[in-house]
Amino acid sequence: MEVNLIQGSPEWLEFRMTKISASQIPIIMRESKWRTPLELWKEKMGLTPPQEQTESMARGLALEPYIRELAETKLGVKLVPKVMIADHPYDFIIASLDGISYDSSVLVELKTASKKDHLCAKKGTPPQHYYGQTQCQMFVTQTAMLQYGSFYIDAKGKEDFHMIEVKRDEVYIKAMIEAARKFYNSMFNLCLKG
């Protein structure tokens, strides 16, 4: 189900603090190389300030419309960013999508990649620290496949864009839902006790 919020807006940030987002799934699943579940939990509980935007995050956000156009050209379909929420009883899980077609048949996740991550995509698989994010997006949108787009600019300024198909992984999704539910309940239960 679509949520009428603009990604990056104060309202979106506030809403996101009360949910588990697709980009937070790798953290909860202990696959993130940037943050731990405890660090995320402290942020969600207001015990630490929200994570500041890094230079690479800002670069990725700035390049996202351009990369989306590359994906549209490659796939031959118009893509729009959307915020989606999973159906009840999983409506504590959300996904802020880089792009989905108007008929919801094509879903994309776009990354401004490091050389290592880009090479991983060129070998046919997304980096492990993004796998959970892709699976969560497919779960929330109820799709069977996602197009993962990796955009890389080398030291000489040469651009390379590569897309791969990522298929839905029900075994992973089952474990993901359980981990996300436990994490969400730890937030909710503390709020009740407080």
Protein backbone atom coordinates (compact mmCIF):
# COMPACT_ATOMS: atom_id res chain seq x y z
CA MET A 1 0.00 0.00 0.00
CA GLU A 2 1.33 3.42 -0.93
CA VAL A 3 1.95 6.05 1.75
CA ASN A 4 1.54 9.66 0.65
CA LEU A 5 4.93 10.91 1.84
CA ILE A 6 7.86 12.47 0.01
CA GLN A 7 11.15 10.70 0.67
CA GLY A 8 13.51 12.92 2.66
CA SER A 9 10.73 15.18 3.99
CA PRO A 10 10.43 15.83 7.77
CA GLU A 11 7.13 13.89 7.76
CA TRP A 12 8.81 10.90 6.07
CA LEU A 13 11.69 11.00 8.59
CA GLU A 14 9.23 11.07 11.50
CA PHE A 15 7.15 8.22 10.04
CA ARG A 16 10.28 6.16 9.34
CA MET A 17 11.38 6.42 13.00
CA THR A 18 8.24 4.48 14.04
CA LYS A 19 8.69 1.68 11.47
CA ILE A 20 11.30 -0.78 10.19
CA SER A 21 12.46 0.33 6.76
CA ALA A 22 13.91 -1.84 3.99
CA SER A 23 17.28 -0.09 4.29
CA GLN A 24 17.36 -1.02 7.99
CA ILE A 25 16.79 -4.73 7.37
CA PRO A 26 20.51 -5.44 6.69
CA ILE A 27 21.29 -3.83 10.06
CA ILE A 28 18.71 -5.93 11.88
CA MET A 29 19.89 -9.05 10.03
CA ARG A 30 23.51 -8.25 11.05
CA GLU A 31 24.61 -7.88 7.42
CA SER A 32 25.40 -4.16 7.49
CA LYS A 33 29.03 -3.08 7.44
CA TRP A 34 28.09 0.37 8.75
CA ARG A 35 25.85 -0.10 11.81
CA THR A 36 24.83 -2.61 14.47
CA PRO A 37 21.28 -3.46 15.60
CA LEU A 38 22.05 -1.84 18.97
CA GLU A 39 23.08 1.43 17.31
CA LEU A 40 19.86 1.45 15.26
CA TRP A 41 17.76 0.63 18.33
CA LYS A 42 19.31 3.49 20.32
CA GLU A 43 18.53 5.87 17.47
CA LYS A 44 14.92 4.63 17.20
CA MET A 45 14.46 5.07 20.94
CA GLY A 46 15.82 8.63 20.84
CA LEU A 47 18.85 7.71 22.97
CA THR A 48 21.26 8.83 20.26
CA PRO A 49 20.82 11.44 17.51
CA PRO A 50 19.76 10.25 14.05
CA GLN A 51 22.57 9.07 11.82
CA GLU A 52 24.09 11.97 9.92
CA GLN A 53 24.16 11.86 6.16
CA THR A 54 27.60 10.89 4.89
CA GLU A 55 29.25 12.31 1.80
CA SER A 56 28.62 9.10 -0.13
CA MET A 57 24.94 9.06 0.96
CA ALA A 58 24.51 12.66 -0.24
CA ARG A 59 26.20 11.81 -3.54
CA GLY A 60 23.90 8.83 -4.04
CA LEU A 61 20.80 10.93 -3.36
CA ALA A 62 21.97 13.64 -5.76
CA LEU A 63 22.63 11.10 -8.52
CA GLU A 64 19.45 9.06 -7.99
CA PRO A 65 17.26 10.91 -10.58
CA TYR A 66 20.00 10.49 -13.21
CA ILE A 67 20.45 6.79 -12.40
CA ARG A 68 16.67 6.31 -12.49
CA GLU A 69 16.68 7.75 -16.03
CA LEU A 70 19.41 5.26 -17.00
CA ALA A 71 17.25 2.44 -15.60
CA GLU A 72 14.17 3.72 -17.44
CA THR A 73 16.09 3.74 -20.71
CA LYS A 74 17.47 0.26 -20.12
CA LEU A 75 14.12 -1.22 -19.03
CA GLY A 76 11.88 0.79 -21.36
CA VAL A 77 9.50 1.83 -18.59
CA LYS A 78 8.75 4.97 -16.57
CA LEU A 79 9.74 4.65 -12.89
CA VAL A 80 8.61 6.73 -9.93
CA PRO A 81 9.89 6.81 -6.34
CA LYS A 82 7.28 5.74 -3.76
CA VAL A 83 6.94 5.03 -0.06
CA MET A 84 5.11 1.74 0.56
CA ILE A 85 3.92 -0.03 3.69
CA ALA A 86 3.39 -3.77 4.07
CA ASP A 87 -0.12 -5.10 4.55
CA HIS A 88 -1.43 -5.88 8.04
CA PRO A 89 -0.18 -7.61 10.20
CA TYR A 90 3.23 -6.56 8.83
CA ASP A 91 2.46 -2.83 8.64
CA PHE A 92 5.46 -2.08 10.84
CA ILE A 93 7.63 -2.67 7.75
CA ILE A 94 8.04 -0.01 5.06
CA ALA A 95 10.04 0.47 1.88
CA SER A 96 11.08 3.79 0.33
CA LEU A 97 11.49 2.74 -3.28
CA ASP A 98 13.95 4.27 -5.72
CA GLY A 99 11.57 3.40 -8.52
CA ILE A 100 8.52 1.36 -9.42
CA SER A 101 6.52 1.34 -12.64
CA TYR A 102 2.99 2.76 -12.67
CA ASP A 103 1.52 -0.75 -12.98
CA SER A 104 3.86 -2.03 -10.19
CA SER A 105 5.29 -4.70 -12.51
CA VAL A 106 8.87 -3.33 -12.45
CA LEU A 107 10.69 -2.55 -9.21
CA VAL A 108 14.21 -1.11 -9.00
CA GLU A 109 16.81 -0.50 -6.32
CA LEU A 110 19.55 1.89 -7.46
CA LYS A 111 22.98 2.27 -5.92
CA THR A 112 25.89 4.62 -6.52
CA ALA A 113 28.43 1.88 -5.94
CA SER A 114 31.99 1.51 -4.78
CA LYS A 115 34.28 -0.38 -7.15
CA LYS A 116 34.01 -3.53 -5.02
CA ASP A 117 30.20 -3.40 -4.84
CA HIS A 118 29.94 -2.66 -8.57
CA LEU A 119 32.12 -5.66 -9.43
CA CYS A 120 29.89 -7.81 -7.23
CA ALA A 121 26.84 -6.68 -9.22
CA LYS A 122 28.64 -7.31 -12.50
CA LYS A 123 29.21 -10.89 -11.33
CA GLY A 124 25.42 -11.25 -11.00
CA THR A 125 24.57 -10.66 -7.36
CA PRO A 126 23.98 -7.61 -5.16
CA PRO A 127 26.46 -7.11 -2.30
CA GLN A 128 25.32 -8.99 0.81
CA HIS A 129 24.88 -5.73 2.74
CA TYR A 130 22.08 -4.76 0.28
CA TYR A 131 20.47 -8.18 -0.18
CA GLY A 132 18.05 -7.77 2.75
CA GLN A 133 16.96 -4.38 1.46
CA THR A 134 16.04 -5.87 -1.92
CA GLN A 135 14.15 -8.77 -0.30
CA CYS A 136 12.23 -6.40 1.97
CA GLN A 137 11.22 -4.25 -1.00
CA MET A 138 9.86 -7.32 -2.80
CA PHE A 139 8.01 -8.37 0.35
CA VAL A 140 6.39 -4.96 0.84
CA THR A 141 5.43 -4.58 -2.84
CA GLN A 142 4.43 -8.26 -3.20
CA THR A 143 6.63 -8.70 -6.26
CA ALA A 144 8.64 -11.74 -7.32
CA MET A 145 11.63 -9.94 -8.79
CA LEU A 146 13.58 -6.69 -8.50
CA GLN A 147 16.02 -4.98 -10.85
CA TYR A 148 19.17 -3.95 -8.96
CA GLY A 149 21.03 -1.11 -10.67
CA SER A 150 24.68 -0.42 -9.87
CA PHE A 151 26.20 2.87 -11.03
CA TYR A 152 29.95 3.40 -10.80
CA ILE A 153 32.22 6.28 -11.81
CA ASP A 154 35.93 5.44 -11.98
CA ALA A 155 38.82 7.78 -11.09
CA LYS A 156 38.89 9.10 -14.67
CA GLY A 157 35.18 9.96 -14.61
CA LYS A 158 34.06 7.08 -16.80
CA GLU A 159 30.54 5.92 -15.96
CA ASP A 160 29.33 2.34 -15.92
CA PHE A 161 25.75 1.23 -15.20
CA HIS A 162 24.85 -2.40 -14.76
CA MET A 163 21.51 -4.01 -13.87
CA ILE A 164 20.80 -7.49 -12.56
CA GLU A 165 17.66 -9.37 -11.62
CA VAL A 166 17.23 -10.32 -7.96
CA LYS A 167 14.61 -12.99 -7.29
CA ARG A 168 12.41 -13.22 -4.24
CA ASP A 169 13.85 -15.46 -1.52
CA GLU A 170 11.05 -16.79 0.70
CA VAL A 171 13.44 -18.45 3.18
CA TYR A 172 15.25 -15.14 3.72
CA ILE A 173 11.97 -13.20 3.90
CA LYS A 174 10.62 -15.51 6.61
CA ALA A 175 13.76 -14.97 8.73
CA MET A 176 13.65 -11.23 7.96
CA ILE A 177 10.04 -10.86 9.15
CA GLU A 178 10.83 -12.67 12.40
CA ALA A 179 13.93 -10.53 13.07
CA ALA A 180 12.07 -7.32 12.18
CA ARG A 181 9.15 -8.27 14.43
CA LYS A 182 11.48 -8.93 17.38
CA PHE A 183 13.28 -5.64 16.80
CA TYR A 184 10.00 -3.72 16.48
CA ASN A 185 8.58 -5.36 19.61
CA SER A 186 11.71 -4.33 21.54
CA MET A 187 10.94 -0.71 20.60
CA PHE A 188 7.23 -0.98 21.38
CA ASN A 189 7.63 -2.83 24.69
CA LEU A 190 10.09 -0.27 26.02
CA CYS A 191 7.69 2.52 25.07
CA LEU A 192 4.92 0.80 27.06
CA LYS A 193 7.16 0.39 30.12
CA GLY A 194 8.35 4.00 29.92
